[in-house]
C-alpha cells in the first residue's frame, strides 16, 4: 500500500485490533499480524520479527533483505519497513518500548549496549543456522507462555526473557572487529543520534544540535568522528537523505512535497543536494527503483555462523 502523502502511518503497541494488555510490550504470531497493518509503515516502538518458515523480502528504510526460514529482523522506532512474505510464512513478533525494557534496571541505557540495537552499528537482519534457531526456540516459547498466562509479576519475567532473547540473538551475528571508541565520545554520539532521530526533518545544522546537547559544535563533531568516523553534519545529511530515499521508494508523492517535508528551501535545492549525495536526481533514483520488488534481493548484511 502506497501512502498518499509524505507521512507513513505510525503505529503504537496496541494498534492491532486486539485486546490491549499493555502499551509497552506485545507478543503475537506473525501470521496473525501480517494482514492487520498497511505496508509500508513505521512503529514508535522496538520491533523484532522471527520468520520461522516462509520466503519473500523485507525492506527496512531503503535496504532490501531476503527472507529465509529462521531469519531475525530488528527494527528501531521510526524506521520505515515493508514486508512481502509468502502465504505459508509463519513466525513471531515482539514489540516493546524502551521504557518497558529498562523499567527496573539500574543501567537505563543497557538496551543500546546490546549489539543488535547499538546506535553506532545496528544489525537489521540475522540469518540463523538450524542449530542456532533450535537453541533460541525455548526462549521464544517461554515468552509466549508467560505472555499468555499473565500471572503475577509476568511483566518482570517477560523483561528478563526479552533480554535473554536479544543477547542470544546478538551472538549469532558475525562479530565485526573494530576499535572501541572512547566511552565519552560514544555516549555523546548516542545522545546526538537520539536527538537527530527526533528533529532531522526540521533541524539540519550541527551547531543547533550542539546547543541542545550543551557542547560546542567542534566537540560534537570530534565525538561523532571518533565513534562513527563521520562529522555531525555528515550524519545529519545522511539521515535526511535516508528519509528522502524511503519516501521516493515507498510513495509516489511529488519531489516538491518531499523537499518541503524535509525542510529544504525549494525543490531545486533538494534535487541538487540529493544528486550530490547519491549521484542521481530524485526522479532518476525513483525510476531506478521502480522494479526493486522484482529484482534480486540485497546480499544479507549478516550471514549465519556456526558459533
C-alpha atoms as a PDB file:
ATOM      1  CA  UNK A   1       0.000   0.000   0.000  1.00  0.00           C
ATOM      2  CA  UNK A   2       1.467   3.358  -1.077  1.00  0.00           C
ATOM      3  CA  UNK A   3       0.814   6.344   1.147  1.00  0.00           C
ATOM      4  CA  UNK A   4      -0.807   9.370  -0.417  1.00  0.00           C
ATOM      5  CA  UNK A   5       1.344  11.853   1.469  1.00  0.00           C
ATOM      6  CA  UNK A   6       4.876  12.102   2.781  1.00  0.00           C
ATOM      7  CA  UNK A   7       3.927  10.754   6.219  1.00  0.00           C
ATOM      8  CA  UNK A   8       3.893   6.981   6.570  1.00  0.00           C
ATOM      9  CA  UNK A   9       1.419   5.520   9.076  1.00  0.00           C
ATOM     10  CA  UNK A  10       2.945   5.296  12.549  1.00  0.00           C
ATOM     11  CA  UNK A  11       1.609   2.517  14.776  1.00  0.00           C
ATOM     12  CA  UNK A  12       1.764   2.137  18.527  1.00  0.00           C
ATOM     13  CA  UNK A  13       1.683  -1.004  20.609  1.00  0.00           C
ATOM     14  CA  UNK A  14      -1.958  -1.993  20.949  1.00  0.00           C
ATOM     15  CA  UNK A  15      -2.989  -0.729  17.494  1.00  0.00           C
ATOM     16  CA  UNK A  16      -3.561  -4.190  16.067  1.00  0.00           C
ATOM     17  CA  UNK A  17      -7.299  -4.658  16.530  1.00  0.00           C
ATOM     18  CA  UNK A  18      -6.876  -6.942  19.533  1.00  0.00           C
ATOM     19  CA  UNK A  19      -7.440  -6.535  23.249  1.00  0.00           C
ATOM     20  CA  UNK A  20      -4.686  -4.358  24.693  1.00  0.00           C
ATOM     21  CA  UNK A  21      -2.806  -5.933  27.595  1.00  0.00           C
ATOM     22  CA  UNK A  22      -0.016  -3.392  27.702  1.00  0.00           C
ATOM     23  CA  UNK A  23       1.095  -0.288  25.855  1.00  0.00           C
ATOM     24  CA  UNK A  24       4.726  -1.280  26.432  1.00  0.00           C
ATOM     25  CA  UNK A  25       5.000  -4.956  25.421  1.00  0.00           C
ATOM     26  CA  UNK A  26       3.268  -7.159  22.885  1.00  0.00           C
ATOM     27  CA  UNK A  27       3.822 -10.673  21.532  1.00  0.00           C
ATOM     28  CA  UNK A  28       1.979 -12.397  18.679  1.00  0.00           C
ATOM     29  CA  UNK A  29       2.265 -14.957  15.924  1.00  0.00           C
ATOM     30  CA  UNK A  30       3.497 -13.326  12.719  1.00  0.00           C
ATOM     31  CA  UNK A  31       0.851 -14.959  10.537  1.00  0.00           C
ATOM     32  CA  UNK A  32      -1.921 -13.357  12.621  1.00  0.00           C
ATOM     33  CA  UNK A  33      -0.478  -9.868  12.305  1.00  0.00           C
ATOM     34  CA  UNK A  34       0.556  -9.594   8.670  1.00  0.00           C
ATOM     35  CA  UNK A  35      -2.924  -8.786   7.365  1.00  0.00           C
ATOM     36  CA  UNK A  36      -3.757  -6.221  10.067  1.00  0.00           C
ATOM     37  CA  UNK A  37      -1.458  -3.375   9.034  1.00  0.00           C
ATOM     38  CA  UNK A  38      -0.916  -1.455   5.791  1.00  0.00           C
ATOM     39  CA  UNK A  39       2.601  -1.521   4.367  1.00  0.00           C
ATOM     40  CA  UNK A  40       4.878   0.391   4.326  1.00  0.00           C
ATOM     41  CA  UNK A  41       4.603   1.895   7.799  1.00  0.00           C
ATOM     42  CA  UNK A  42       6.554   2.882  10.895  1.00  0.00           C
ATOM     43  CA  UNK A  43       6.355   1.939  14.564  1.00  0.00           C
ATOM     44  CA  UNK A  44       7.007   4.076  17.626  1.00  0.00           C
ATOM     45  CA  UNK A  45       8.434   1.043  19.437  1.00  0.00           C
ATOM     46  CA  UNK A  46      11.177  -1.561  19.038  1.00  0.00           C
ATOM     47  CA  UNK A  47      10.041  -4.312  16.691  1.00  0.00           C
ATOM     48  CA  UNK A  48      11.501  -7.828  16.419  1.00  0.00           C
ATOM     49  CA  UNK A  49      10.354 -10.362  13.818  1.00  0.00           C
ATOM     50  CA  UNK A  50      11.356 -14.018  13.639  1.00  0.00           C
ATOM     51  CA  UNK A  51      10.311 -15.548  10.321  1.00  0.00           C
ATOM     52  CA  UNK A  52      10.395 -19.250  11.219  1.00  0.00           C
ATOM     53  CA  UNK A  53       9.088 -20.517   7.872  1.00  0.00           C
ATOM     54  CA  UNK A  54       8.450 -18.901   4.508  1.00  0.00           C
ATOM     55  CA  UNK A  55      10.196 -16.685   1.993  1.00  0.00           C
ATOM     56  CA  UNK A  56       9.995 -13.220   0.484  1.00  0.00           C
ATOM     57  CA  UNK A  57      11.750  -9.939   1.086  1.00  0.00           C
ATOM     58  CA  UNK A  58      11.792  -7.183   3.668  1.00  0.00           C
ATOM     59  CA  UNK A  59      12.683  -3.547   3.005  1.00  0.00           C
ATOM     60  CA  UNK A  60      13.876  -1.593   6.040  1.00  0.00           C
ATOM     61  CA  UNK A  61      14.297   2.087   5.196  1.00  0.00           C
ATOM     62  CA  UNK A  62      15.848   1.727   1.718  1.00  0.00           C
ATOM     63  CA  UNK A  63      17.681  -1.565   2.278  1.00  0.00           C
ATOM     64  CA  UNK A  64      16.251  -4.815   0.908  1.00  0.00           C
ATOM     65  CA  UNK A  65      16.769  -8.136   2.699  1.00  0.00           C
ATOM     66  CA  UNK A  66      15.929 -11.634   1.569  1.00  0.00           C
ATOM     67  CA  UNK A  67      13.600 -13.578   3.851  1.00  0.00           C
ATOM     68  CA  UNK A  68      14.611 -17.170   4.557  1.00  0.00           C
ATOM     69  CA  UNK A  69      13.460 -19.645   7.206  1.00  0.00           C
ATOM     70  CA  UNK A  70      14.749 -18.609  10.630  1.00  0.00           C
ATOM     71  CA  UNK A  71      15.558 -15.010   9.773  1.00  0.00           C
ATOM     72  CA  UNK A  72      15.524 -12.443  12.574  1.00  0.00           C
ATOM     73  CA  UNK A  73      14.783  -8.764  11.894  1.00  0.00           C
ATOM     74  CA  UNK A  74      15.424  -5.953  14.364  1.00  0.00           C
ATOM     75  CA  UNK A  75      13.855  -2.522  13.905  1.00  0.00           C
ATOM     76  CA  UNK A  76      14.037   0.657  15.964  1.00  0.00           C
ATOM     77  CA  UNK A  77      11.327   3.306  16.446  1.00  0.00           C
ATOM     78  CA  UNK A  78      10.801   5.462  13.361  1.00  0.00           C
ATOM     79  CA  UNK A  79      12.151   3.091  10.719  1.00  0.00           C
ATOM     80  CA  UNK A  80      10.039   2.555   7.592  1.00  0.00           C
ATOM     81  CA  UNK A  81       9.584  -1.089   6.657  1.00  0.00           C
ATOM     82  CA  UNK A  82       7.694  -3.086   4.049  1.00  0.00           C
ATOM     83  CA  UNK A  83       7.177  -6.863   4.187  1.00  0.00           C
ATOM     84  CA  UNK A  84       6.404  -9.098   1.211  1.00  0.00           C
ATOM     85  CA  UNK A  85       6.038 -12.658   2.511  1.00  0.00           C
ATOM     86  CA  UNK A  86       4.874 -15.936   1.012  1.00  0.00           C
ATOM     87  CA  UNK A  87       1.442 -17.179   2.083  1.00  0.00           C
ATOM     88  CA  UNK A  88       2.957 -20.020   4.096  1.00  0.00           C
ATOM     89  CA  UNK A  89       5.074 -17.673   6.227  1.00  0.00           C
ATOM     90  CA  UNK A  90       4.904 -18.239   9.982  1.00  0.00           C
ATOM     91  CA  UNK A  91       6.818 -16.849  12.908  1.00  0.00           C
ATOM     92  CA  UNK A  92       6.694 -14.449  15.824  1.00  0.00           C
ATOM     93  CA  UNK A  93       6.674 -10.725  16.534  1.00  0.00           C
ATOM     94  CA  UNK A  94       7.871  -8.999  19.686  1.00  0.00           C
ATOM     95  CA  UNK A  95       7.117  -5.325  20.256  1.00  0.00           C
ATOM     96  CA  UNK A  96       8.376  -3.353  23.218  1.00  0.00           C
ATOM     97  CA  UNK A  97       9.137   0.170  24.373  1.00  0.00           C
ATOM     98  CA  UNK A  98      12.466   1.298  25.757  1.00  0.00           C
ATOM     99  CA  UNK A  99      10.643   2.154  28.994  1.00  0.00           C
ATOM    100  CA  UNK A 100       9.454  -1.435  29.350  1.00  0.00           C
ATOM    101  CA  UNK A 101      12.916  -2.852  28.815  1.00  0.00           C
ATOM    102  CA  UNK A 102      14.701  -0.555  31.271  1.00  0.00           C
ATOM    103  CA  UNK A 103      11.955  -0.123  33.898  1.00  0.00           C
ATOM    104  CA  UNK A 104      13.660  -1.966  36.743  1.00  0.00           C
ATOM    105  CA  UNK A 105      17.243  -1.895  35.503  1.00  0.00           C
ATOM    106  CA  UNK A 106      19.877   0.219  37.185  1.00  0.00           C
ATOM    107  CA  UNK A 107      21.552   0.853  33.825  1.00  0.00           C
ATOM    108  CA  UNK A 108      18.779   2.582  31.857  1.00  0.00           C
ATOM    109  CA  UNK A 109      20.864   2.629  28.672  1.00  0.00           C
ATOM    110  CA  UNK A 110      21.540  -1.098  28.549  1.00  0.00           C
ATOM    111  CA  UNK A 111      19.213  -1.665  25.563  1.00  0.00           C
ATOM    112  CA  UNK A 112      21.580   0.307  23.329  1.00  0.00           C
ATOM    113  CA  UNK A 113      24.509  -1.756  24.565  1.00  0.00           C
ATOM    114  CA  UNK A 114      23.025  -4.973  23.143  1.00  0.00           C
ATOM    115  CA  UNK A 115      24.733  -5.497  19.749  1.00  0.00           C
ATOM    116  CA  UNK A 116      21.613  -5.651  17.561  1.00  0.00           C
ATOM    117  CA  UNK A 117      20.473  -2.233  18.830  1.00  0.00           C
ATOM    118  CA  UNK A 118      23.777  -0.383  19.218  1.00  0.00           C
ATOM    119  CA  UNK A 119      23.253   3.083  17.628  1.00  0.00           C
ATOM    120  CA  UNK A 120      26.714   3.092  16.059  1.00  0.00           C
ATOM    121  CA  UNK A 121      26.357  -0.322  14.396  1.00  0.00           C
ATOM    122  CA  UNK A 122      22.792  -1.679  14.493  1.00  0.00           C
ATOM    123  CA  UNK A 123      22.072  -5.071  12.959  1.00  0.00           C
ATOM    124  CA  UNK A 124      18.878  -5.269  10.895  1.00  0.00           C
ATOM    125  CA  UNK A 125      18.909  -8.940   9.888  1.00  0.00           C
ATOM    126  CA  UNK A 126      20.376 -12.136  11.296  1.00  0.00           C
ATOM    127  CA  UNK A 127      20.199 -15.372   9.300  1.00  0.00           C
ATOM    128  CA  UNK A 128      20.289 -18.216  11.817  1.00  0.00           C
ATOM    129  CA  UNK A 129      21.585 -21.705  11.250  1.00  0.00           C
ATOM    130  CA  UNK A 130      19.306 -24.587  12.199  1.00  0.00           C
ATOM    131  CA  UNK A 131      21.339 -25.176  15.339  1.00  0.00           C
ATOM    132  CA  UNK A 132      21.059 -21.524  16.364  1.00  0.00           C
ATOM    133  CA  UNK A 133      17.298 -21.497  15.814  1.00  0.00           C
ATOM    134  CA  UNK A 134      16.894 -24.639  17.921  1.00  0.00           C
ATOM    135  CA  UNK A 135      18.831 -23.026  20.769  1.00  0.00           C
ATOM    136  CA  UNK A 136      16.717 -19.841  20.648  1.00  0.00           C
ATOM    137  CA  UNK A 137      13.302 -21.508  20.339  1.00  0.00           C
ATOM    138  CA  UNK A 138      12.936 -22.353  24.072  1.00  0.00           C
ATOM    139  CA  UNK A 139      13.272 -18.646  24.871  1.00  0.00           C
ATOM    140  CA  UNK A 140      10.513 -17.642  22.444  1.00  0.00           C
ATOM    141  CA  UNK A 141       8.357 -20.459  23.832  1.00  0.00           C
ATOM    142  CA  UNK A 142       8.911 -19.117  27.361  1.00  0.00           C
ATOM    143  CA  UNK A 143       7.943 -15.610  26.227  1.00  0.00           C
ATOM    144  CA  UNK A 144       4.770 -16.947  24.586  1.00  0.00           C
ATOM    145  CA  UNK A 145       3.753 -18.963  27.653  1.00  0.00           C
ATOM    146  CA  UNK A 146       4.410 -16.130  30.104  1.00  0.00           C
ATOM    147  CA  UNK A 147       2.587 -13.592  27.937  1.00  0.00           C
ATOM    148  CA  UNK A 148      -0.431 -15.877  27.617  1.00  0.00           C
ATOM    149  CA  UNK A 149      -0.625 -16.776  31.315  1.00  0.00           C
ATOM    150  CA  UNK A 150      -0.426 -13.192  32.675  1.00  0.00           C
ATOM    151  CA  UNK A 151       0.348 -14.420  36.164  1.00  0.00           C
ATOM    152  CA  UNK A 152       1.646 -12.207  38.959  1.00  0.00           C
ATOM    153  CA  UNK A 153       4.862 -10.431  38.074  1.00  0.00           C
ATOM    154  CA  UNK A 154       4.660 -11.601  34.464  1.00  0.00           C
ATOM    155  CA  UNK A 155       6.000  -8.328  33.058  1.00  0.00           C
ATOM    156  CA  UNK A 156       9.169  -8.697  35.132  1.00  0.00           C
ATOM    157  CA  UNK A 157       9.587 -12.242  33.829  1.00  0.00           C
ATOM    158  CA  UNK A 158       8.959 -11.089  30.250  1.00  0.00           C
ATOM    159  CA  UNK A 159      11.562  -8.372  30.663  1.00  0.00           C
ATOM    160  CA  UNK A 160      14.132 -10.966  31.676  1.00  0.00           C
ATOM    161  CA  UNK A 161      13.227 -13.327  28.832  1.00  0.00           C
ATOM    162  CA  UNK A 162      13.399 -10.436  26.360  1.00  0.00           C
ATOM    163  CA  UNK A 163      16.914  -9.545  27.491  1.00  0.00           C
ATOM    164  CA  UNK A 164      17.980 -13.183  27.127  1.00  0.00           C
ATOM    165  CA  UNK A 165      16.435 -13.343  23.648  1.00  0.00           C
ATOM    166  CA  UNK A 166      18.194 -10.189  22.408  1.00  0.00           C
ATOM    167  CA  UNK A 167      21.561 -11.140  23.856  1.00  0.00           C
ATOM    168  CA  UNK A 168      21.446 -14.695  22.469  1.00  0.00           C
ATOM    169  CA  UNK A 169      20.324 -13.405  19.058  1.00  0.00           C
ATOM    170  CA  UNK A 170      23.201 -10.919  19.048  1.00  0.00           C
ATOM    171  CA  UNK A 171      25.653 -13.781  19.477  1.00  0.00           C
ATOM    172  CA  UNK A 172      24.519 -15.209  16.143  1.00  0.00           C
ATOM    173  CA  UNK A 173      25.644 -12.115  14.251  1.00  0.00           C
ATOM    174  CA  UNK A 174      29.133 -12.219  12.828  1.00  0.00           C
ATOM    175  CA  UNK A 175      31.421 -10.200  15.080  1.00  0.00           C
ATOM    176  CA  UNK A 176      32.893  -7.099  13.470  1.00  0.00           C
ATOM    177  CA  UNK A 177      36.403  -6.276  14.556  1.00  0.00           C
ATOM    178  CA  UNK A 178      36.703  -2.587  15.351  1.00  0.00           C
ATOM    179  CA  UNK A 179      38.436  -0.343  17.824  1.00  0.00           C
ATOM    180  CA  UNK A 180      36.239   0.535  20.791  1.00  0.00           C
ATOM    181  CA  UNK A 181      35.639   4.308  20.794  1.00  0.00           C
ATOM    182  CA  UNK A 182      36.207   6.296  23.948  1.00  0.00           C
ATOM    183  CA  UNK A 183      33.194   5.997  26.230  1.00  0.00           C
ATOM    184  CA  UNK A 184      32.676   9.742  26.488  1.00  0.00           C
ATOM    185  CA  UNK A 185      32.601  10.168  22.706  1.00  0.00           C
ATOM    186  CA  UNK A 186      30.304   7.180  22.374  1.00  0.00           C
ATOM    187  CA  UNK A 187      27.816   8.474  24.947  1.00  0.00           C
ATOM    188  CA  UNK A 188      27.716  11.941  23.380  1.00  0.00           C
ATOM    189  CA  UNK A 189      27.210  10.385  19.958  1.00  0.00           C
ATOM    190  CA  UNK A 190      24.311   8.304  21.265  1.00  0.00           C
ATOM    191  CA  UNK A 191      22.651  11.403  22.710  1.00  0.00           C
ATOM    192  CA  UNK A 192      23.159  13.202  19.413  1.00  0.00           C
ATOM    193  CA  UNK A 193      21.707  10.295  17.419  1.00  0.00           C
ATOM    194  CA  UNK A 194      18.616  10.258  19.640  1.00  0.00           C
ATOM    195  CA  UNK A 195      18.071  13.985  19.081  1.00  0.00           C
ATOM    196  CA  UNK A 196      18.739  13.610  15.368  1.00  0.00           C
ATOM    197  CA  UNK A 197      16.024  10.979  15.075  1.00  0.00           C
ATOM    198  CA  UNK A 198      13.547  13.370  16.684  1.00  0.00           C
ATOM    199  CA  UNK A 199      14.462  16.543  14.790  1.00  0.00           C
ATOM    200  CA  UNK A 200      16.127  15.689  11.452  1.00  0.00           C
ATOM    201  CA  UNK A 201      13.098  16.911   9.478  1.00  0.00           C
ATOM    202  CA  UNK A 202      13.370  20.414  10.919  1.00  0.00           C
ATOM    203  CA  UNK A 203      16.920  20.855  12.254  1.00  0.00           C
ATOM    204  CA  UNK A 204      19.710  20.475   9.728  1.00  0.00           C
ATOM    205  CA  UNK A 205      22.633  22.205  11.401  1.00  0.00           C
ATOM    206  CA  UNK A 206      25.180  20.586  13.718  1.00  0.00           C
ATOM    207  CA  UNK A 207      25.533  23.825  15.668  1.00  0.00           C
ATOM    208  CA  UNK A 208      21.885  23.620  16.746  1.00  0.00           C
ATOM    209  CA  UNK A 209      22.268  20.030  17.927  1.00  0.00           C
ATOM    210  CA  UNK A 210      25.413  21.046  19.813  1.00  0.00           C
ATOM    211  CA  UNK A 211      23.424  23.793  21.523  1.00  0.00           C
ATOM    212  CA  UNK A 212      20.754  21.287  22.583  1.00  0.00           C
ATOM    213  CA  UNK A 213      23.474  18.995  23.916  1.00  0.00           C
ATOM    214  CA  UNK A 214      25.262  21.894  25.655  1.00  0.00           C
ATOM    215  CA  UNK A 215      28.577  21.234  23.944  1.00  0.00           C
ATOM    216  CA  UNK A 216      30.500  23.054  21.230  1.00  0.00           C
ATOM    217  CA  UNK A 217      29.989  22.096  17.609  1.00  0.00           C
ATOM    218  CA  UNK A 218      33.643  21.107  17.444  1.00  0.00           C
ATOM    219  CA  UNK A 219      33.297  18.793  20.456  1.00  0.00           C
ATOM    220  CA  UNK A 220      30.232  17.169  18.917  1.00  0.00           C
ATOM    221  CA  UNK A 221      31.902  16.527  15.575  1.00  0.00           C
ATOM    222  CA  UNK A 222      35.058  15.216  17.254  1.00  0.00           C
ATOM    223  CA  UNK A 223      32.902  12.766  19.215  1.00  0.00           C
ATOM    224  CA  UNK A 224      30.953  11.544  16.184  1.00  0.00           C
ATOM    225  CA  UNK A 225      34.130  11.274  14.129  1.00  0.00           C
ATOM    226  CA  UNK A 226      35.732   9.142  16.813  1.00  0.00           C
ATOM    227  CA  UNK A 227      32.670   6.963  17.378  1.00  0.00           C
ATOM    228  CA  UNK A 228      31.355   6.666  13.817  1.00  0.00           C
ATOM    229  CA  UNK A 229      34.061   8.044  11.552  1.00  0.00           C
ATOM    230  CA  UNK A 230      31.918  10.940  10.329  1.00  0.00           C
ATOM    231  CA  UNK A 231      31.230  14.541  11.304  1.00  0.00           C
ATOM    232  CA  UNK A 232      27.921  15.524  12.860  1.00  0.00           C
ATOM    233  CA  UNK A 233      26.929  17.421   9.714  1.00  0.00           C
ATOM    234  CA  UNK A 234      27.563  14.356   7.570  1.00  0.00           C
ATOM    235  CA  UNK A 235      25.409  12.225   9.868  1.00  0.00           C
ATOM    236  CA  UNK A 236      22.646  14.816   9.602  1.00  0.00           C
ATOM    237  CA  UNK A 237      22.856  14.807   5.802  1.00  0.00           C
ATOM    238  CA  UNK A 238      22.919  11.018   5.713  1.00  0.00           C
ATOM    239  CA  UNK A 239      19.792  10.778   7.901  1.00  0.00           C
ATOM    240  CA  UNK A 240      17.894  13.313   5.814  1.00  0.00           C
ATOM    241  CA  UNK A 241      18.861  11.543   2.595  1.00  0.00           C
ATOM    242  CA  UNK A 242      17.900   8.164   4.041  1.00  0.00           C
ATOM    243  CA  UNK A 243      14.436   9.573   4.700  1.00  0.00           C
ATOM    244  CA  UNK A 244      14.314  11.015   1.189  1.00  0.00           C
ATOM    245  CA  UNK A 245      15.218   7.616  -0.273  1.00  0.00           C
ATOM    246  CA  UNK A 246      12.480   5.939   1.753  1.00  0.00           C
ATOM    247  CA  UNK A 247       9.895   8.454   0.577  1.00  0.00           C
ATOM    248  CA  UNK A 248      10.965   8.077  -3.048  1.00  0.00           C
ATOM    249  CA  UNK A 249      10.886   4.296  -2.748  1.00  0.00           C
ATOM    250  CA  UNK A 250       7.645   3.835  -0.840  1.00  0.00           C
ATOM    251  CA  UNK A 251       5.473   6.669  -2.168  1.00  0.00           C
ATOM    252  CA  UNK A 252       4.526   8.410  -5.389  1.00  0.00           C
ATOM    253  CA  UNK A 253       4.272  11.927  -3.945  1.00  0.00           C
ATOM    254  CA  UNK A 254       5.918  14.754  -5.902  1.00  0.00           C
ATOM    255  CA  UNK A 255       9.545  15.589  -5.255  1.00  0.00           C
ATOM    256  CA  UNK A 256       8.451  19.101  -4.275  1.00  0.00           C
ATOM    257  CA  UNK A 257       6.434  17.702  -1.357  1.00  0.00           C
ATOM    258  CA  UNK A 258       9.366  15.611  -0.185  1.00  0.00           C
ATOM    259  CA  UNK A 259      11.577  18.707  -0.290  1.00  0.00           C
ATOM    260  CA  UNK A 260       9.045  20.593   1.819  1.00  0.00           C
ATOM    261  CA  UNK A 261       8.655  17.693   4.250  1.00  0.00           C
ATOM    262  CA  UNK A 262      12.411  17.671   4.831  1.00  0.00           C
ATOM    263  CA  UNK A 263      12.622  21.471   5.251  1.00  0.00           C
ATOM    264  CA  UNK A 264      14.580  22.277   2.095  1.00  0.00           C
ATOM    265  CA  UNK A 265      14.321  25.855   0.865  1.00  0.00           C
ATOM    266  CA  UNK A 266      12.993  24.778  -2.527  1.00  0.00           C
ATOM    267  CA  UNK A 267      12.750  21.627  -4.692  1.00  0.00           C
ATOM    268  CA  UNK A 268      15.723  22.653  -6.833  1.00  0.00           C
ATOM    269  CA  UNK A 269      17.998  22.869  -3.793  1.00  0.00           C
ATOM    270  CA  UNK A 270      16.742  19.480  -2.601  1.00  0.00           C
ATOM    271  CA  UNK A 271      17.384  17.943  -6.033  1.00  0.00           C
ATOM    272  CA  UNK A 272      20.946  19.300  -6.111  1.00  0.00           C
ATOM    273  CA  UNK A 273      21.643  18.014  -2.600  1.00  0.00           C
ATOM    274  CA  UNK A 274      20.144  14.608  -3.398  1.00  0.00           C
ATOM    275  CA  UNK A 275      22.152  14.253  -6.607  1.00  0.00           C
ATOM    276  CA  UNK A 276      25.346  15.249  -4.812  1.00  0.00           C
ATOM    277  CA  UNK A 277      24.643  12.575  -2.193  1.00  0.00           C
ATOM    278  CA  UNK A 278      23.541   9.725  -4.485  1.00  0.00           C
ATOM    279  CA  UNK A 279      24.833  10.622  -7.940  1.00  0.00           C
ATOM    280  CA  UNK A 280      21.254  10.676  -9.287  1.00  0.00           C
ATOM    281  CA  UNK A 281      18.400  13.140  -9.331  1.00  0.00           C
ATOM    282  CA  UNK A 282      15.371  12.224  -7.183  1.00  0.00           C
ATOM    283  CA  UNK A 283      13.392  11.395 -10.325  1.00  0.00           C
ATOM    284  CA  UNK A 284      16.142   9.145 -11.702  1.00  0.00           C
ATOM    285  CA  UNK A 285      16.559   7.444  -8.332  1.00  0.00           C
ATOM    286  CA  UNK A 286      12.834   6.708  -8.117  1.00  0.00           C
ATOM    287  CA  UNK A 287      12.790   5.336 -11.666  1.00  0.00           C
ATOM    288  CA  UNK A 288      15.807   3.122 -10.980  1.00  0.00           C
ATOM    289  CA  UNK A 289      13.988   1.603  -8.015  1.00  0.00           C
ATOM    290  CA  UNK A 290      10.714   1.048  -9.852  1.00  0.00           C
ATOM    291  CA  UNK A 291      11.453  -2.657 -10.288  1.00  0.00           C
ATOM    292  CA  UNK A 292      13.053  -3.135  -6.897  1.00  0.00           C
ATOM    293  CA  UNK A 293      10.399  -5.569  -5.696  1.00  0.00           C
ATOM    294  CA  UNK A 294      11.093  -7.921  -8.595  1.00  0.00           C
ATOM    295  CA  UNK A 295      14.880  -7.761  -8.657  1.00  0.00           C
ATOM    296  CA  UNK A 296      17.320  -9.976  -6.765  1.00  0.00           C
ATOM    297  CA  UNK A 297      17.343  -9.172  -3.074  1.00  0.00           C
ATOM    298  CA  UNK A 298      20.201  -7.489  -1.312  1.00  0.00           C
ATOM    299  CA  UNK A 299      23.094  -9.639  -0.172  1.00  0.00           C
ATOM    300  CA  UNK A 300      22.445 -10.343   3.510  1.00  0.00           C
ATOM    301  CA  UNK A 301      24.128  -7.871   5.827  1.00  0.00           C
ATOM    302  CA  UNK A 302      24.789 -10.585   8.384  1.00  0.00           C
ATOM    303  CA  UNK A 303      25.408 -14.188   7.449  1.00  0.00           C
ATOM    304  CA  UNK A 304      24.955 -17.117   9.812  1.00  0.00           C
ATOM    305  CA  UNK A 305      27.935 -18.533  11.586  1.00  0.00           C
ATOM    306  CA  UNK A 306      28.490 -21.732  13.463  1.00  0.00           C
ATOM    307  CA  UNK A 307      29.215 -20.176  16.806  1.00  0.00           C
END
